Every structure is written in C-alpha cells, then in structure tokens.
C-alpha cells in the first residue's frame, strides 16, 4: 500500500454508512465505488479487544480487522489513537495454520510496525458470563453470531478495568444476531435506551454487587 495516514481497526465502526454497506462481509483487498481501498481480515475468535505489538488496543465488534486511509472516515475514528502514518510503501498480510487450546491463530501484518496476533485477544467470546448468579445460555452458534449489545468501543477503560470487563462480557450484554445487524449496531446504540433495557438494568444491579465486593482497584474505579 502507498504511504499515508491510515486507520487500523474495525472498519465497520469507521466507514461511512454507504461504504460499510458496499463492503458488506468481504475480506481481503477491496476497492469501493468511490475509490476507497483497503484490506480486511477475519479474526478466528470473533469480537473482542486485540492489542498490536506496540500495545495499542483495537476494539472489534464485527469479527474483522482492516486498514484504510484515515481521510474521509467518521470523524472520531479519523483522529483516533488507531491512526498511523506510514512514510513508505508497505505490505499487508495475514496467515494462520497454527493452533493452540483456543483453536486457530492468525497473525496479521499491517506493515512492519503494526502486528496483531489473535492469540493476544484480551476480551472475547471465551470469557462470557463469569460473574452472574444465573446459568449462562449455551450457544451452539459460531462466534460471529454472538454480539455485544453495548458495543465494546463504548467502554473507555476496558483493557485495564475489571469492572468494565464484567459489564461488557456478562451474558446479560450478549445476544445472538446476524452479521449485518452486528455491523450496524454501533450507530444505533443509545446509552439511555440500553440503561432502561432488561439487560442494562440487570448489569446495573450486578454493578452494585461488584462495587460492594470491590472487584476492581484500577485508578478509574477509585475515583
């Protein structure tokens, strides 16, 4: 790819609505009708937080990660921490074929500086519902069919805050959905509506217990 300022992350959160609809579920290299180009890769473990080798976290809600020029993206993404200046021509590639107890692993390279391993997923489907008194539902669907009702990107300190991790990954914040609905949900998420929903109220009640039990001692929870 040519030199320039690029965004790396969940493109479904960054592209304009018409671009996202045109991209659909394609992976690999793409060129949209307006000339936008990029590359997307499917992550074997689905949604979650994926750090790159430099410690930047990439919040994934569509099960895919990609790269495209930052110019013309949604404003909050075009100036986010996940934009990078590439001074020279660079290559993007992804490879798998390695397995461990999680299943297949994928290494993704966006040039030499941004390398992501699916093995380093911080939060994801495998960590659902560890703190509810209820028995979590048994899902017999692939990870791409499971969705976080409150998007991961709406949490500010998810990578380091145990309280936010519990809110995000509790089964009350999970649902089965189609991949299309999954990709558009960030634009329709409303914090006030969520707070009044059955799942939102359940999380709020659990939060009272977590606070009482002091499950997190991060700087943000001490404030």
Protein backbone atom coordinates (compact mmCIF):
# COMPACT_ATOMS: atom_id res chain seq x y z
CA UNK A 1 0.00 0.00 0.00
CA UNK A 2 1.13 3.56 -0.62
CA UNK A 3 2.49 5.85 2.08
CA UNK A 4 -0.06 7.87 4.01
CA UNK A 5 -2.12 8.19 7.19
CA UNK A 6 -4.13 5.03 7.80
CA UNK A 7 -6.73 3.75 10.23
CA UNK A 8 -6.34 0.20 11.55
CA UNK A 9 -9.24 -1.42 13.36
CA UNK A 10 -12.84 -2.47 12.86
CA UNK A 11 -13.69 -0.79 9.55
CA UNK A 12 -17.39 -1.27 10.21
CA UNK A 13 -17.05 1.29 13.01
CA UNK A 14 -15.10 3.76 10.88
CA UNK A 15 -16.50 3.72 7.34
CA UNK A 16 -19.38 5.93 6.26
CA UNK A 17 -22.72 4.12 6.11
CA UNK A 18 -22.77 3.77 2.32
CA UNK A 19 -19.19 2.48 2.31
CA UNK A 20 -19.92 -0.04 5.03
CA UNK A 21 -22.96 -1.34 3.18
CA UNK A 22 -20.95 -1.72 -0.03
CA UNK A 23 -18.10 -3.51 1.74
CA UNK A 24 -20.52 -5.96 3.34
CA UNK A 25 -18.80 -9.11 4.59
CA UNK A 26 -15.92 -9.06 2.12
CA UNK A 27 -12.44 -9.87 3.34
CA UNK A 28 -9.10 -9.37 1.64
CA UNK A 29 -8.28 -6.43 -0.61
CA UNK A 30 -11.15 -4.19 -1.65
CA UNK A 31 -11.85 -1.15 -3.80
CA UNK A 32 -15.16 0.65 -3.28
CA UNK A 33 -17.06 2.55 -5.95
CA UNK A 34 -15.84 5.89 -4.54
CA UNK A 35 -12.22 4.77 -4.91
CA UNK A 36 -11.57 3.91 -1.27
CA UNK A 37 -9.20 0.97 -0.95
CA UNK A 38 -8.13 -1.21 1.92
CA UNK A 39 -7.71 -4.71 3.28
CA UNK A 40 -9.76 -6.66 5.83
CA UNK A 41 -9.01 -9.89 7.70
CA UNK A 42 -11.38 -12.19 9.58
CA UNK A 43 -10.41 -12.90 13.19
CA UNK A 44 -10.88 -16.57 14.20
CA UNK A 45 -12.09 -15.75 17.72
CA UNK A 46 -14.58 -13.08 16.67
CA UNK A 47 -15.29 -9.86 18.58
CA UNK A 48 -13.03 -8.61 21.34
CA UNK A 49 -10.06 -6.41 22.15
CA UNK A 50 -6.91 -7.12 20.18
CA UNK A 51 -3.65 -5.35 21.12
CA UNK A 52 -0.96 -4.87 18.50
CA UNK A 53 2.72 -5.36 19.22
CA UNK A 54 3.02 -1.71 20.35
CA UNK A 55 0.29 -2.08 22.97
CA UNK A 56 -2.47 -0.19 21.15
CA UNK A 57 -5.87 -1.81 21.60
CA UNK A 58 -8.20 -2.44 18.68
CA UNK A 59 -11.87 -2.83 19.65
CA UNK A 60 -13.58 -5.29 17.33
CA UNK A 61 -17.36 -5.61 17.03
CA UNK A 62 -17.68 -7.21 13.58
CA UNK A 63 -15.19 -10.08 13.87
CA UNK A 64 -12.91 -8.44 11.30
CA UNK A 65 -9.99 -6.02 11.36
CA UNK A 66 -8.77 -3.95 8.47
CA UNK A 67 -6.89 -0.94 7.19
CA UNK A 68 -7.83 2.02 5.01
CA UNK A 69 -6.80 5.65 4.59
CA UNK A 70 -7.95 7.77 7.55
CA UNK A 71 -9.13 10.62 5.35
CA UNK A 72 -12.88 10.64 4.87
CA UNK A 73 -13.73 8.28 7.74
CA UNK A 74 -16.12 9.09 10.55
CA UNK A 75 -14.58 11.99 12.42
CA UNK A 76 -13.98 10.27 15.74
CA UNK A 77 -12.14 7.41 14.01
CA UNK A 78 -10.11 9.55 11.60
CA UNK A 79 -8.40 11.22 14.58
CA UNK A 80 -8.34 8.25 16.96
CA UNK A 81 -5.34 6.54 18.52
CA UNK A 82 -5.67 3.84 15.86
CA UNK A 83 -4.44 6.06 13.04
CA UNK A 84 -0.88 5.64 11.83
CA UNK A 85 1.45 7.48 9.48
CA UNK A 86 3.27 5.20 7.07
CA UNK A 87 6.17 7.00 5.47
CA UNK A 88 6.90 4.39 2.82
CA UNK A 89 5.13 1.78 0.72
CA UNK A 90 4.16 -1.20 2.89
CA UNK A 91 2.50 -4.60 2.65
CA UNK A 92 -0.43 -6.14 4.50
CA UNK A 93 -0.80 -9.86 5.02
CA UNK A 94 -2.43 -12.39 7.30
CA UNK A 95 -1.55 -16.00 7.96
CA UNK A 96 -2.88 -18.89 10.01
CA UNK A 97 -2.35 -22.61 10.21
CA UNK A 98 -1.20 -22.51 13.84
CA UNK A 99 -3.42 -23.95 16.58
CA UNK A 100 -3.44 -23.97 20.38
CA UNK A 101 -6.10 -24.63 23.03
CA UNK A 102 -8.11 -21.65 21.73
CA UNK A 103 -8.21 -23.03 18.23
CA UNK A 104 -6.76 -21.49 15.07
CA UNK A 105 -4.45 -18.49 15.41
CA UNK A 106 -3.96 -15.67 12.94
CA UNK A 107 -1.04 -13.28 12.58
CA UNK A 108 -1.87 -10.07 10.75
CA UNK A 109 0.70 -7.59 9.49
CA UNK A 110 -0.12 -4.00 8.54
CA UNK A 111 3.42 -3.16 7.55
CA UNK A 112 6.31 -3.98 9.87
CA UNK A 113 5.17 -1.87 12.81
CA UNK A 114 1.58 -2.99 13.33
CA UNK A 115 1.38 -6.72 14.01
CA UNK A 116 -1.64 -8.35 15.60
CA UNK A 117 -1.94 -11.92 16.86
CA UNK A 118 -5.39 -13.37 17.51
CA UNK A 119 -3.78 -15.27 20.39
CA UNK A 120 -3.42 -11.97 22.28
CA UNK A 121 -7.15 -11.28 22.35
CA UNK A 122 -7.80 -9.60 25.72
CA UNK A 123 -11.56 -9.97 25.94
CA UNK A 124 -13.86 -12.02 23.82
CA UNK A 125 -16.38 -14.80 23.43
CA UNK A 126 -14.40 -17.29 25.51
CA UNK A 127 -14.77 -15.08 28.60
CA UNK A 128 -18.56 -14.67 28.56
CA UNK A 129 -20.52 -14.59 31.82
CA UNK A 130 -18.19 -15.46 34.62
CA UNK A 131 -19.96 -13.42 37.30
CA UNK A 132 -23.68 -13.98 37.13
CA UNK A 133 -25.73 -15.98 39.58
CA UNK A 134 -27.66 -17.31 36.61
CA UNK A 135 -26.51 -20.14 34.41
CA UNK A 136 -25.40 -18.65 31.09
CA UNK A 137 -27.16 -19.87 27.96
CA UNK A 138 -25.41 -22.50 25.88
CA UNK A 139 -24.73 -21.15 22.43
CA UNK A 140 -24.32 -23.61 19.58
CA UNK A 141 -23.59 -20.88 17.06
CA UNK A 142 -20.25 -19.65 15.70
CA UNK A 143 -18.70 -16.63 17.41
CA UNK A 144 -19.68 -14.36 14.54
CA UNK A 145 -23.33 -14.84 15.58
CA UNK A 146 -22.78 -13.57 19.13
CA UNK A 147 -22.89 -9.83 19.68
CA UNK A 148 -22.17 -7.39 22.49
CA UNK A 149 -25.39 -5.36 22.96
CA UNK A 150 -23.43 -2.45 24.40
CA UNK A 151 -20.53 -2.10 21.93
CA UNK A 152 -17.02 -2.66 23.24
CA UNK A 153 -15.99 0.67 21.75
CA UNK A 154 -18.36 2.47 24.16
CA UNK A 155 -16.21 1.47 27.14
CA UNK A 156 -13.32 3.83 27.87
CA UNK A 157 -11.04 1.65 30.01
CA UNK A 158 -11.98 -1.90 29.04
CA UNK A 159 -8.43 -3.17 28.70
CA UNK A 160 -7.48 -2.37 32.31
CA UNK A 161 -10.73 -2.04 34.26
CA UNK A 162 -12.14 -5.26 35.69
CA UNK A 163 -15.47 -3.53 36.34
CA UNK A 164 -15.88 -2.58 32.69
CA UNK A 165 -14.82 -6.05 31.58
CA UNK A 166 -17.55 -7.57 33.75
CA UNK A 167 -20.16 -5.18 32.34
CA UNK A 168 -19.12 -5.92 28.77
CA UNK A 169 -18.70 -9.68 29.00
CA UNK A 170 -21.57 -10.66 31.28
CA UNK A 171 -24.17 -12.72 29.42
CA UNK A 172 -26.78 -10.00 30.04
CA UNK A 173 -24.82 -7.97 27.49
CA UNK A 174 -24.85 -10.76 24.91
CA UNK A 175 -27.28 -11.66 22.16
CA UNK A 176 -27.45 -13.71 19.00
CA UNK A 177 -27.65 -11.61 15.89
CA UNK A 178 -26.97 -11.66 12.19
CA UNK A 179 -23.64 -10.34 10.96
CA UNK A 180 -25.45 -7.48 9.19
CA UNK A 181 -27.15 -6.32 12.40
CA UNK A 182 -23.86 -6.69 14.24
CA UNK A 183 -22.09 -4.33 11.86
CA UNK A 184 -24.62 -1.51 12.12
CA UNK A 185 -25.34 -1.67 15.84
CA UNK A 186 -22.69 0.90 16.84
CA UNK A 187 -24.63 3.60 15.01
CA UNK A 188 -27.90 2.64 16.69
CA UNK A 189 -26.59 2.16 20.25
CA UNK A 190 -28.24 4.56 22.70
CA UNK A 191 -26.91 4.60 26.27
CA UNK A 192 -30.20 5.82 27.75
CA UNK A 193 -32.23 3.15 25.95
CA UNK A 194 -29.73 0.49 26.99
CA UNK A 195 -29.93 1.58 30.65
CA UNK A 196 -33.70 1.02 30.60
CA UNK A 197 -33.49 -2.34 28.83
CA UNK A 198 -33.74 -5.67 30.63
CA UNK A 199 -30.06 -6.40 30.08
CA UNK A 200 -28.98 -2.88 31.04
CA UNK A 201 -30.93 -2.97 34.30
CA UNK A 202 -29.51 -6.42 35.09
CA UNK A 203 -25.98 -5.12 34.57
CA UNK A 204 -26.71 -2.09 36.77
CA UNK A 205 -27.89 -4.37 39.58
CA UNK A 206 -24.84 -6.57 39.24
CA UNK A 207 -22.63 -3.47 39.26
CA UNK A 208 -23.87 -2.60 42.75
CA UNK A 209 -22.69 -6.00 43.96
CA UNK A 210 -19.34 -5.69 42.17
CA UNK A 211 -18.76 -2.27 43.72
CA UNK A 212 -19.61 -3.60 47.17
CA UNK A 213 -17.23 -6.52 46.64
CA UNK A 214 -14.52 -4.16 45.32
CA UNK A 215 -13.80 -6.36 42.34
CA UNK A 216 -11.65 -3.68 40.71
CA UNK A 217 -8.91 -1.49 42.14
CA UNK A 218 -7.92 0.39 39.00
CA UNK A 219 -7.41 4.16 39.14
CA UNK A 220 -10.73 4.82 37.43
CA UNK A 221 -12.74 2.81 39.94
CA UNK A 222 -11.02 4.58 42.85
CA UNK A 223 -12.13 7.99 41.61
